[in-house]
PDB file of N, CA and C in Angstrom:
ATOM      1  N   GLN A   1     110.809  28.435  83.459  1.00  0.00           N
ATOM      2  CA  GLN A   1     109.940  29.445  82.883  1.00  0.00           C
ATOM      3  C   GLN A   1     110.777  30.698  82.600  1.00  0.00           C
ATOM      4  N   LEU A   2     110.633  31.217  81.405  1.00  0.00           N
ATOM      5  CA  LEU A   2     111.390  32.394  81.000  1.00  0.00           C
ATOM      6  C   LEU A   2     110.739  33.653  81.537  1.00  0.00           C
ATOM      7  N   ALA A   3     111.559  34.587  81.953  1.00  0.00           N
ATOM      8  CA  ALA A   3     111.061  35.876  82.422  1.00  0.00           C
ATOM      9  C   ALA A   3     110.702  36.750  81.230  1.00  0.00           C
ATOM     10  N   THR A   4     109.729  37.618  81.411  1.00  0.00           N
ATOM     11  CA  THR A   4     109.381  38.572  80.357  1.00  0.00           C
ATOM     12  C   THR A   4     110.477  39.621  80.273  1.00  0.00           C
ATOM     13  N   PRO A   5     110.618  40.277  79.114  1.00  0.00           N
ATOM     14  CA  PRO A   5     111.644  41.322  79.005  1.00  0.00           C
ATOM     15  C   PRO A   5     111.496  42.412  80.057  1.00  0.00           C
ATOM     16  N   SER A   6     110.273  42.855  80.329  1.00  0.00           N
ATOM     17  CA  SER A   6     110.095  43.927  81.304  1.00  0.00           C
ATOM     18  C   SER A   6     110.487  43.477  82.695  1.00  0.00           C
ATOM     19  N   ALA A   7     110.182  42.225  83.054  1.00  0.00           N
ATOM     20  CA  ALA A   7     110.578  41.711  84.368  1.00  0.00           C
ATOM     21  C   ALA A   7     112.094  41.622  84.471  1.00  0.00           C
ATOM     22  N   THR A   8     112.734  41.198  83.411  1.00  0.00           N
ATOM     23  CA  THR A   8     114.192  41.092  83.408  1.00  0.00           C
ATOM     24  C   THR A   8     114.837  42.461  83.582  1.00  0.00           C
ATOM     25  N   LEU A   9     114.325  43.474  82.876  1.00  0.00           N
ATOM     26  CA  LEU A   9     114.898  44.812  82.989  1.00  0.00           C
ATOM     27  C   LEU A   9     114.719  45.368  84.394  1.00  0.00           C
ATOM     28  N   ARG A  10     113.573  45.107  85.019  1.00  0.00           N
ATOM     29  CA  ARG A  10     113.330  45.593  86.378  1.00  0.00           C
ATOM     30  C   ARG A  10     114.211  44.857  87.381  1.00  0.00           C
ATOM     31  N   GLN A  11     114.300  43.546  87.266  1.00  0.00           N
ATOM     32  CA  GLN A  11     115.041  42.737  88.223  1.00  0.00           C
ATOM     33  C   GLN A  11     116.530  43.052  88.213  1.00  0.00           C
ATOM     34  N   ARG A  12     117.051  43.295  87.080  1.00  0.00           N
ATOM     35  CA  ARG A  12     118.493  43.493  86.970  1.00  0.00           C
ATOM     36  C   ARG A  12     118.908  44.955  87.127  1.00  0.00           C
ATOM     37  N   GLY A  13     117.952  45.839  87.280  1.00  0.00           N
ATOM     38  CA  GLY A  13     118.280  47.245  87.491  1.00  0.00           C
ATOM     39  C   GLY A  13     119.110  47.846  86.369  1.00  0.00           C
ATOM     40  N   TRP A  14     118.686  47.642  85.151  1.00  0.00           N
ATOM     41  CA  TRP A  14     119.443  48.117  84.003  1.00  0.00           C
ATOM     42  C   TRP A  14     119.615  49.627  84.052  1.00  0.00           C
ATOM     43  N   GLU A  15     120.802  50.066  83.744  1.00  0.00           N
ATOM     44  CA  GLU A  15     121.120  51.490  83.714  1.00  0.00           C
ATOM     45  C   GLU A  15     120.960  52.030  82.295  1.00  0.00           C
ATOM     46  N   ALA A  16     121.088  53.329  82.178  1.00  0.00           N
ATOM     47  CA  ALA A  16     120.875  54.016  80.900  1.00  0.00           C
ATOM     48  C   ALA A  16     121.726  53.431  79.775  1.00  0.00           C
ATOM     49  N   GLN A  17     123.007  53.228  80.032  1.00  0.00           N
ATOM     50  CA  GLN A  17     123.884  52.724  78.978  1.00  0.00           C
ATOM     51  C   GLN A  17     123.484  51.322  78.539  1.00  0.00           C
ATOM     52  N   MET A  18     123.080  50.486  79.463  1.00  0.00           N
ATOM     53  CA  MET A  18     122.670  49.124  79.111  1.00  0.00           C
ATOM     54  C   MET A  18     121.412  49.133  78.251  1.00  0.00           C
ATOM     55  N   LEU A  19     120.471  49.992  78.592  1.00  0.00           N
ATOM     56  CA  LEU A  19     119.242  50.104  77.811  1.00  0.00           C
ATOM     57  C   LEU A  19     119.533  50.602  76.404  1.00  0.00           C
ATOM     58  N   ALA A  20     120.319  51.673  76.320  1.00  0.00           N
ATOM     59  CA  ALA A  20     120.649  52.250  75.014  1.00  0.00           C
ATOM     60  C   ALA A  20     121.446  51.272  74.158  1.00  0.00           C
ATOM     61  N   ASN A  21     122.395  50.594  74.761  1.00  0.00           N
ATOM     62  CA  ASN A  21     123.222  49.645  74.004  1.00  0.00           C
ATOM     63  C   ASN A  21     122.407  48.456  73.506  1.00  0.00           C
ATOM     64  N   THR A  22     121.462  47.999  74.304  1.00  0.00           N
ATOM     65  CA  THR A  22     120.625  46.870  73.890  1.00  0.00           C
ATOM     66  C   THR A  22     119.749  47.273  72.706  1.00  0.00           C
ATOM     67  N   ALA A  23     119.123  48.428  72.801  1.00  0.00           N
ATOM     68  CA  ALA A  23     118.303  48.911  71.685  1.00  0.00           C
ATOM     69  C   ALA A  23     119.154  49.081  70.431  1.00  0.00           C
ATOM     70  N   TRP A  24     120.333  49.661  70.595  1.00  0.00           N
ATOM     71  CA  TRP A  24     121.249  49.887  69.473  1.00  0.00           C
ATOM     72  C   TRP A  24     121.658  48.559  68.828  1.00  0.00           C
ATOM     73  N   ALA A  25     121.991  47.566  69.647  1.00  0.00           N
ATOM     74  CA  ALA A  25     122.445  46.273  69.122  1.00  0.00           C
ATOM     75  C   ALA A  25     121.344  45.587  68.312  1.00  0.00           C
ATOM     76  N   PHE A  26     120.117  45.608  68.818  1.00  0.00           N
ATOM     77  CA  PHE A  26     119.020  44.998  68.075  1.00  0.00           C
ATOM     78  C   PHE A  26     118.783  45.738  66.759  1.00  0.00           C
ATOM     79  N   ALA A  27     118.902  47.058  66.785  1.00  0.00           N
ATOM     80  CA  ALA A  27     118.710  47.834  65.561  1.00  0.00           C
ATOM     81  C   ALA A  27     119.819  47.545  64.550  1.00  0.00           C
ATOM     82  N   MET A  28     121.039  47.403  65.030  1.00  0.00           N
ATOM     83  CA  MET A  28     122.146  47.084  64.122  1.00  0.00           C
ATOM     84  C   MET A  28     121.915  45.757  63.418  1.00  0.00           C
ATOM     85  N   LEU A  29     121.275  44.829  64.108  1.00  0.00           N
ATOM     86  CA  LEU A  29     120.994  43.513  63.536  1.00  0.00           C
ATOM     87  C   LEU A  29     119.645  43.464  62.810  1.00  0.00           C
ATOM     88  N   HIS A  30     118.932  44.594  62.829  1.00  0.00           N
ATOM     89  CA  HIS A  30     117.602  44.691  62.216  1.00  0.00           C
ATOM     90  C   HIS A  30     116.641  43.643  62.785  1.00  0.00           C
ATOM     91  N   VAL A  31     116.692  43.500  64.108  1.00  0.00           N
ATOM     92  CA  VAL A  31     115.821  42.558  64.810  1.00  0.00           C
ATOM     93  C   VAL A  31     114.806  43.358  65.613  1.00  0.00           C
ATOM     94  N   ILE A  32     113.534  43.148  65.299  1.00  0.00           N
ATOM     95  CA  ILE A  32     112.458  43.829  66.024  1.00  0.00           C
ATOM     96  C   ILE A  32     111.835  42.832  66.988  1.00  0.00           C
ATOM     97  N   ASP A  33     111.911  43.155  68.257  1.00  0.00           N
ATOM     98  CA  ASP A  33     111.288  42.349  69.304  1.00  0.00           C
ATOM     99  C   ASP A  33     110.364  43.288  70.067  1.00  0.00           C
ATOM    100  N   GLY A  34     109.090  43.268  69.704  1.00  0.00           N
ATOM    101  CA  GLY A  34     108.123  44.201  70.286  1.00  0.00           C
ATOM    102  C   GLY A  34     108.114  44.232  71.799  1.00  0.00           C
ATOM    103  N   PRO A  35     108.000  43.075  72.466  1.00  0.00           N
ATOM    104  CA  PRO A  35     107.987  43.102  73.930  1.00  0.00           C
ATOM    105  C   PRO A  35     109.282  43.665  74.524  1.00  0.00           C
ATOM    106  N   LEU A  36     110.407  43.358  73.907  1.00  0.00           N
ATOM    107  CA  LEU A  36     111.675  43.889  74.410  1.00  0.00           C
ATOM    108  C   LEU A  36     111.716  45.405  74.249  1.00  0.00           C
ATOM    109  N   PHE A  37     111.315  45.911  73.090  1.00  0.00           N
ATOM    110  CA  PHE A  37     111.357  47.348  72.870  1.00  0.00           C
ATOM    111  C   PHE A  37     110.332  48.076  73.742  1.00  0.00           C
ATOM    112  N   ASP A  38     109.200  47.439  74.026  1.00  0.00           N
ATOM    113  CA  ASP A  38     108.252  48.023  74.986  1.00  0.00           C
ATOM    114  C   ASP A  38     108.887  48.125  76.360  1.00  0.00           C
ATOM    115  N   ALA A  39     109.600  47.075  76.759  1.00  0.00           N
ATOM    116  CA  ALA A  39     110.267  47.070  78.063  1.00  0.00           C
ATOM    117  C   ALA A  39     111.394  48.101  78.115  1.00  0.00           C
ATOM    118  N   ILE A  40     112.155  48.202  77.034  1.00  0.00           N
ATOM    119  CA  ILE A  40     113.228  49.207  76.986  1.00  0.00           C
ATOM    120  C   ILE A  40     112.624  50.603  77.084  1.00  0.00           C
ATOM    121  N   SER A  41     111.537  50.822  76.387  1.00  0.00           N
ATOM    122  CA  SER A  41     110.884  52.126  76.436  1.00  0.00           C
ATOM    123  C   SER A  41     110.435  52.469  77.849  1.00  0.00           C
ATOM    124  N   SER A  42     109.720  51.555  78.486  1.00  0.00           N
ATOM    125  CA  SER A  42     109.226  51.803  79.843  1.00  0.00           C
ATOM    126  C   SER A  42     110.364  52.070  80.819  1.00  0.00           C
ATOM    127  N   ALA A  43     111.391  51.253  80.741  1.00  0.00           N
ATOM    128  CA  ALA A  43     112.527  51.423  81.640  1.00  0.00           C
ATOM    129  C   ALA A  43     113.287  52.714  81.332  1.00  0.00           C
ATOM    130  N   SER A  44     113.392  53.057  80.065  1.00  0.00           N
ATOM    131  CA  SER A  44     114.138  54.253  79.669  1.00  0.00           C
ATOM    132  C   SER A  44     113.438  55.535  80.098  1.00  0.00           C
ATOM    133  N   ILE A  45     112.125  55.586  79.933  1.00  0.00           N
ATOM    134  CA  ILE A  45     111.392  56.803  80.274  1.00  0.00           C
ATOM    135  C   ILE A  45     111.630  57.177  81.733  1.00  0.00           C
ATOM    136  N   SER A  46     111.621  56.199  82.615  1.00  0.00           N
ATOM    137  CA  SER A  46     111.829  56.510  84.029  1.00  0.00           C
ATOM    138  C   SER A  46     113.282  56.868  84.343  1.00  0.00           C
ATOM    139  N   ARG A  47     114.187  56.525  83.452  1.00  0.00           N
ATOM    140  CA  ARG A  47     115.613  56.805  83.688  1.00  0.00           C
ATOM    141  C   ARG A  47     116.165  57.927  82.797  1.00  0.00           C
ATOM    142  N   ILE A  48     115.336  58.541  81.992  1.00  0.00           N
ATOM    143  CA  ILE A  48     115.803  59.570  81.053  1.00  0.00           C
ATOM    144  C   ILE A  48     116.683  60.631  81.722  1.00  0.00           C
ATOM    145  N   PRO A  49     116.386  61.076  82.935  1.00  0.00           N
ATOM    146  CA  PRO A  49     117.286  62.070  83.546  1.00  0.00           C
ATOM    147  C   PRO A  49     118.725  61.572  83.710  1.00  0.00           C
ATOM    148  N   ASN A  50     118.922  60.261  83.718  1.00  0.00           N
ATOM    149  CA  ASN A  50     120.264  59.688  83.866  1.00  0.00           C
ATOM    150  C   ASN A  50     120.951  59.408  82.534  1.00  0.00           C
ATOM    151  N   PHE A  51     120.260  59.634  81.439  1.00  0.00           N
ATOM    152  CA  PHE A  51     120.832  59.368  80.123  1.00  0.00           C
ATOM    153  C   PHE A  51     121.790  60.486  79.732  1.00  0.00           C
ATOM    154  N   ARG A  52     122.941  60.104  79.240  1.00  0.00           N
ATOM    155  CA  ARG A  52     123.879  61.058  78.653  1.00  0.00           C
ATOM    156  C   ARG A  52     123.448  61.295  77.207  1.00  0.00           C
ATOM    157  N   PRO A  53     123.975  62.343  76.576  1.00  0.00           N
ATOM    158  CA  PRO A  53     123.588  62.600  75.184  1.00  0.00           C
ATOM    159  C   PRO A  53     123.771  61.393  74.258  1.00  0.00           C
ATOM    160  N   GLN A  54     124.836  60.626  74.445  1.00  0.00           N
ATOM    161  CA  GLN A  54     125.060  59.443  73.601  1.00  0.00           C
ATOM    162  C   GLN A  54     123.966  58.406  73.803  1.00  0.00           C
ATOM    163  N   HIS A  55     123.515  58.232  75.038  1.00  0.00           N
ATOM    164  CA  HIS A  55     122.439  57.276  75.316  1.00  0.00           C
ATOM    165  C   HIS A  55     121.136  57.728  74.639  1.00  0.00           C
ATOM    166  N   LEU A  56     120.863  59.026  74.724  1.00  0.00           N
ATOM    167  CA  LEU A  56     119.661  59.572  74.074  1.00  0.00           C
ATOM    168  C   LEU A  56     119.713  59.327  72.576  1.00  0.00           C
ATOM    169  N   ALA A  57     120.865  59.637  71.989  1.00  0.00           N
ATOM    170  CA  ALA A  57     121.018  59.484  70.537  1.00  0.00           C
ATOM    171  C   ALA A  57     120.905  58.024  70.109  1.00  0.00           C
ATOM    172  N   ASN A  58     121.570  57.134  70.824  1.00  0.00           N
ATOM    173  CA  ASN A  58     121.529  55.713  70.451  1.00  0.00           C
ATOM    174  C   ASN A  58     120.125  55.138  70.570  1.00  0.00           C
ATOM    175  N   THR A  59     119.420  55.525  71.608  1.00  0.00           N
ATOM    176  CA  THR A  59     118.062  55.014  71.807  1.00  0.00           C
ATOM    177  C   THR A  59     117.131  55.535  70.719  1.00  0.00           C
ATOM    178  N   ALA A  60     117.187  56.831  70.468  1.00  0.00           N
ATOM    179  CA  ALA A  60     116.342  57.408  69.418  1.00  0.00           C
ATOM    180  C   ALA A  60     116.668  56.791  68.061  1.00  0.00           C
ATOM    181  N   TRP A  61     117.949  56.631  67.775  1.00  0.00           N
ATOM    182  CA  TRP A  61     118.367  56.038  66.507  1.00  0.00           C
ATOM    183  C   TRP A  61     117.847  54.616  66.369  1.00  0.00           C
ATOM    184  N   ALA A  62     117.953  53.822  67.418  1.00  0.00           N
ATOM    185  CA  ALA A  62     117.520  52.429  67.370  1.00  0.00           C
ATOM    186  C   ALA A  62     116.028  52.324  67.082  1.00  0.00           C
ATOM    187  N   PHE A  63     115.223  53.104  67.803  1.00  0.00           N
ATOM    188  CA  PHE A  63     113.775  53.050  67.589  1.00  0.00           C
ATOM    189  C   PHE A  63     113.430  53.537  66.176  1.00  0.00           C
ATOM    190  N   ALA A  64     114.093  54.585  65.716  1.00  0.00           N
ATOM    191  CA  ALA A  64     113.820  55.109  64.373  1.00  0.00           C
ATOM    192  C   ALA A  64     114.258  54.130  63.289  1.00  0.00           C
ATOM    193  N   THR A  65     115.408  53.525  63.469  1.00  0.00           N
ATOM    194  CA  THR A  65     115.930  52.585  62.478  1.00  0.00           C
ATOM    195  C   THR A  65     114.989  51.404  62.281  1.00  0.00           C
ATOM    196  N   LEU A  66     114.387  50.943  63.372  1.00  0.00           N
ATOM    197  CA  LEU A  66     113.468  49.805  63.290  1.00  0.00           C
ATOM    198  C   LEU A  66     112.020  50.232  63.060  1.00  0.00           C
ATOM    199  N   CYS A  67     111.818  51.544  62.871  1.00  0.00           N
ATOM    200  CA  CYS A  67     110.462  52.090  62.663  1.00  0.00           C
ATOM    201  C   CYS A  67     109.518  51.727  63.806  1.00  0.00           C
ATOM    202  N   VAL A  68     110.054  51.758  65.021  1.00  0.00           N
ATOM    203  CA  VAL A  68     109.244  51.516  66.216  1.00  0.00           C
ATOM    204  C   VAL A  68     108.816  52.882  66.733  1.00  0.00           C
ATOM    205  N   LEU A  69     107.557  53.209  66.526  1.00  0.00           N
ATOM    206  CA  LEU A  69     107.045  54.508  66.946  1.00  0.00           C
ATOM    207  C   LEU A  69     106.588  54.413  68.393  1.00  0.00           C
ATOM    208  N   ASP A  70     107.279  55.125  69.247  1.00  0.00           N
ATOM    209  CA  ASP A  70     106.933  55.159  70.663  1.00  0.00           C
ATOM    210  C   ASP A  70     106.942  56.625  71.080  1.00  0.00           C
ATOM    211  N   ALA A  71     105.808  57.271  70.925  1.00  0.00           N
ATOM    212  CA  ALA A  71     105.718  58.709  71.160  1.00  0.00           C
ATOM    213  C   ALA A  71     106.134  59.113  72.578  1.00  0.00           C
ATOM    214  N   PRO A  72     105.703  58.415  73.633  1.00  0.00           N
ATOM    215  CA  PRO A  72     106.131  58.836  74.977  1.00  0.00           C
ATOM    216  C   PRO A  72     107.652  58.798  75.148  1.00  0.00           C
ATOM    217  N   LEU A  73     108.288  57.767  74.611  1.00  0.00           N
ATOM    218  CA  LEU A  73     109.743  57.684  74.715  1.00  0.00           C
ATOM    219  C   LEU A  73     110.400  58.803  73.913  1.00  0.00           C
ATOM    220  N   LEU A  74     109.971  58.992  72.682  1.00  0.00           N
ATOM    221  CA  LEU A  74     110.585  60.026  71.850  1.00  0.00           C
ATOM    222  C   LEU A  74     110.349  61.421  72.414  1.00  0.00           C
ATOM    223  N   ASP A  75     109.186  61.654  73.017  1.00  0.00           N
ATOM    224  CA  ASP A  75     108.935  62.937  73.682  1.00  0.00           C
ATOM    225  C   ASP A  75     109.882  63.132  74.855  1.00  0.00           C
ATOM    226  N   SER A  76     110.102  62.070  75.628  1.00  0.00           N
ATOM    227  CA  SER A  76     111.028  62.150  76.767  1.00  0.00           C
ATOM    228  C   SER A  76     112.457  62.426  76.297  1.00  0.00           C
ATOM    229  N   ILE A  77     112.853  61.746  75.232  1.00  0.00           N
ATOM    230  CA  ILE A  77     114.200  61.961  74.683  1.00  0.00           C
ATOM    231  C   ILE A  77     114.342  63.396  74.189  1.00  0.00           C
ATOM    232  N   ALA A  78     113.335  63.880  73.464  1.00  0.00           N
ATOM    233  CA  ALA A  78     113.388  65.254  72.945  1.00  0.00           C
ATOM    234  C   ALA A  78     113.481  66.271  74.067  1.00  0.00           C
ATOM    235  N   SER A  79     112.706  66.074  75.119  1.00  0.00           N
ATOM    236  CA  SER A  79     112.744  67.006  76.252  1.00  0.00           C
ATOM    237  C   SER A  79     114.103  66.995  76.930  1.00  0.00           C
ATOM    238  N   ALA A  80     114.658  65.811  77.112  1.00  0.00           N
ATOM    239  CA  ALA A  80     115.968  65.708  77.762  1.00  0.00           C
ATOM    240  C   ALA A  80     117.070  66.288  76.886  1.00  0.00           C
ATOM    241  N   ALA A  81     116.923  66.169  75.580  1.00  0.00           N
ATOM    242  CA  ALA A  81     117.972  66.635  74.658  1.00  0.00           C
ATOM    243  C   ALA A  81     118.113  68.148  74.651  1.00  0.00           C
ATOM    244  N   VAL A  82     117.053  68.864  74.951  1.00  0.00           N
ATOM    245  CA  VAL A  82     117.123  70.327  74.912  1.00  0.00           C
ATOM    246  C   VAL A  82     117.472  70.946  76.269  1.00  0.00           C
ATOM    247  N   LYS A  83     117.698  70.123  77.263  1.00  0.00           N
ATOM    248  CA  LYS A  83     118.059  70.651  78.597  1.00  0.00           C
ATOM    249  C   LYS A  83     119.533  70.875  78.714  1.00  0.00           C
TER     250      LYS A  83
END
Protein backbone atom coordinates (compact mmCIF):
# COMPACT_ATOMS: atom_id res chain seq x y z
CA GLN A 1 0.00 0.00 0.00
CA LEU A 2 1.38 3.38 -1.01
CA ALA A 3 1.68 6.13 1.56
CA THR A 4 -0.06 9.44 0.95
CA PRO A 5 2.20 12.42 0.19
CA SER A 6 1.37 14.07 3.52
CA ALA A 7 2.16 10.89 5.46
CA THR A 8 5.46 10.54 3.62
CA LEU A 9 6.46 14.14 4.38
CA ARG A 10 5.62 13.70 8.07
CA GLN A 11 7.33 10.32 8.42
CA ARG A 12 10.56 11.36 6.83
CA GLY A 13 10.84 14.68 8.64
CA TRP A 14 11.43 16.71 5.51
CA GLU A 15 13.37 19.90 6.06
CA ALA A 16 12.88 23.28 4.41
CA GLN A 17 15.35 22.66 1.58
CA MET A 18 13.81 19.30 0.71
CA LEU A 19 10.32 20.79 0.56
CA ALA A 20 11.42 23.75 -1.55
CA ASN A 21 13.48 21.59 -3.90
CA THR A 22 10.63 19.13 -4.43
CA ALA A 23 8.17 21.90 -5.26
CA TRP A 24 10.76 23.51 -7.56
CA ALA A 25 11.49 20.23 -9.37
CA PHE A 26 7.82 19.52 -10.07
CA ALA A 27 7.35 23.08 -11.33
CA MET A 28 10.38 22.79 -13.61
CA LEU A 29 8.77 19.70 -15.14
CA HIS A 30 5.34 21.38 -15.25
CA VAL A 31 3.85 18.52 -13.24
CA ILE A 32 0.91 19.38 -11.00
CA ASP A 33 0.20 16.86 -8.26
CA GLY A 34 -2.52 18.34 -6.08
CA PRO A 35 -2.11 16.02 -3.09
CA LEU A 36 1.66 16.46 -3.14
CA PHE A 37 1.43 20.25 -3.29
CA ASP A 38 -1.15 20.22 -0.48
CA ALA A 39 1.28 18.16 1.60
CA ILE A 40 4.20 20.44 0.74
CA SER A 41 2.11 23.44 1.72
CA SER A 42 1.07 21.97 5.07
CA ALA A 43 4.58 20.87 5.91
CA SER A 44 6.10 24.16 4.75
CA ILE A 45 3.79 26.41 6.75
CA SER A 46 4.86 24.78 9.99
CA ARG A 47 8.53 25.05 9.00
CA ILE A 48 8.53 28.57 7.50
CA PRO A 49 10.69 29.96 10.34
CA ASN A 50 13.41 27.53 9.20
CA PHE A 51 13.26 28.55 5.55
CA ARG A 52 16.15 30.55 4.16
CA PRO A 53 15.40 33.25 1.57
CA GLN A 54 16.22 30.82 -1.27
CA HIS A 55 13.74 28.27 0.09
CA LEU A 56 11.04 30.95 0.32
CA ALA A 57 11.72 32.09 -3.23
CA ASN A 58 11.81 28.59 -4.71
CA THR A 59 8.59 27.56 -3.00
CA ALA A 60 6.73 30.71 -4.01
CA TRP A 61 8.04 30.41 -7.56
CA ALA A 62 6.99 26.76 -7.84
CA PHE A 63 3.44 27.38 -6.66
CA ALA A 64 3.11 30.45 -8.90
CA THR A 65 4.57 28.71 -11.94
CA LEU A 66 2.02 25.91 -11.65
CA CYS A 67 -0.80 28.36 -10.82
CA VAL A 68 -1.40 26.59 -7.51
CA LEU A 69 -3.11 29.19 -5.36
CA ASP A 70 -2.48 28.47 -1.71
CA ALA A 71 -3.21 31.64 0.22
CA PRO A 72 -2.11 30.38 3.68
CA LEU A 73 1.26 29.28 2.30
CA LEU A 74 1.81 32.46 0.31
CA ASP A 75 0.83 34.58 3.33
CA SER A 76 3.35 32.67 5.45
CA ILE A 77 6.06 33.14 2.83
CA ALA A 78 5.29 36.86 2.54
CA SER A 79 5.44 37.33 6.30
CA ALA A 80 8.73 35.47 6.57
CA ALA A 81 10.23 37.38 3.64
CA VAL A 82 9.83 40.76 5.32
CA LYS A 83 11.44 39.71 8.61
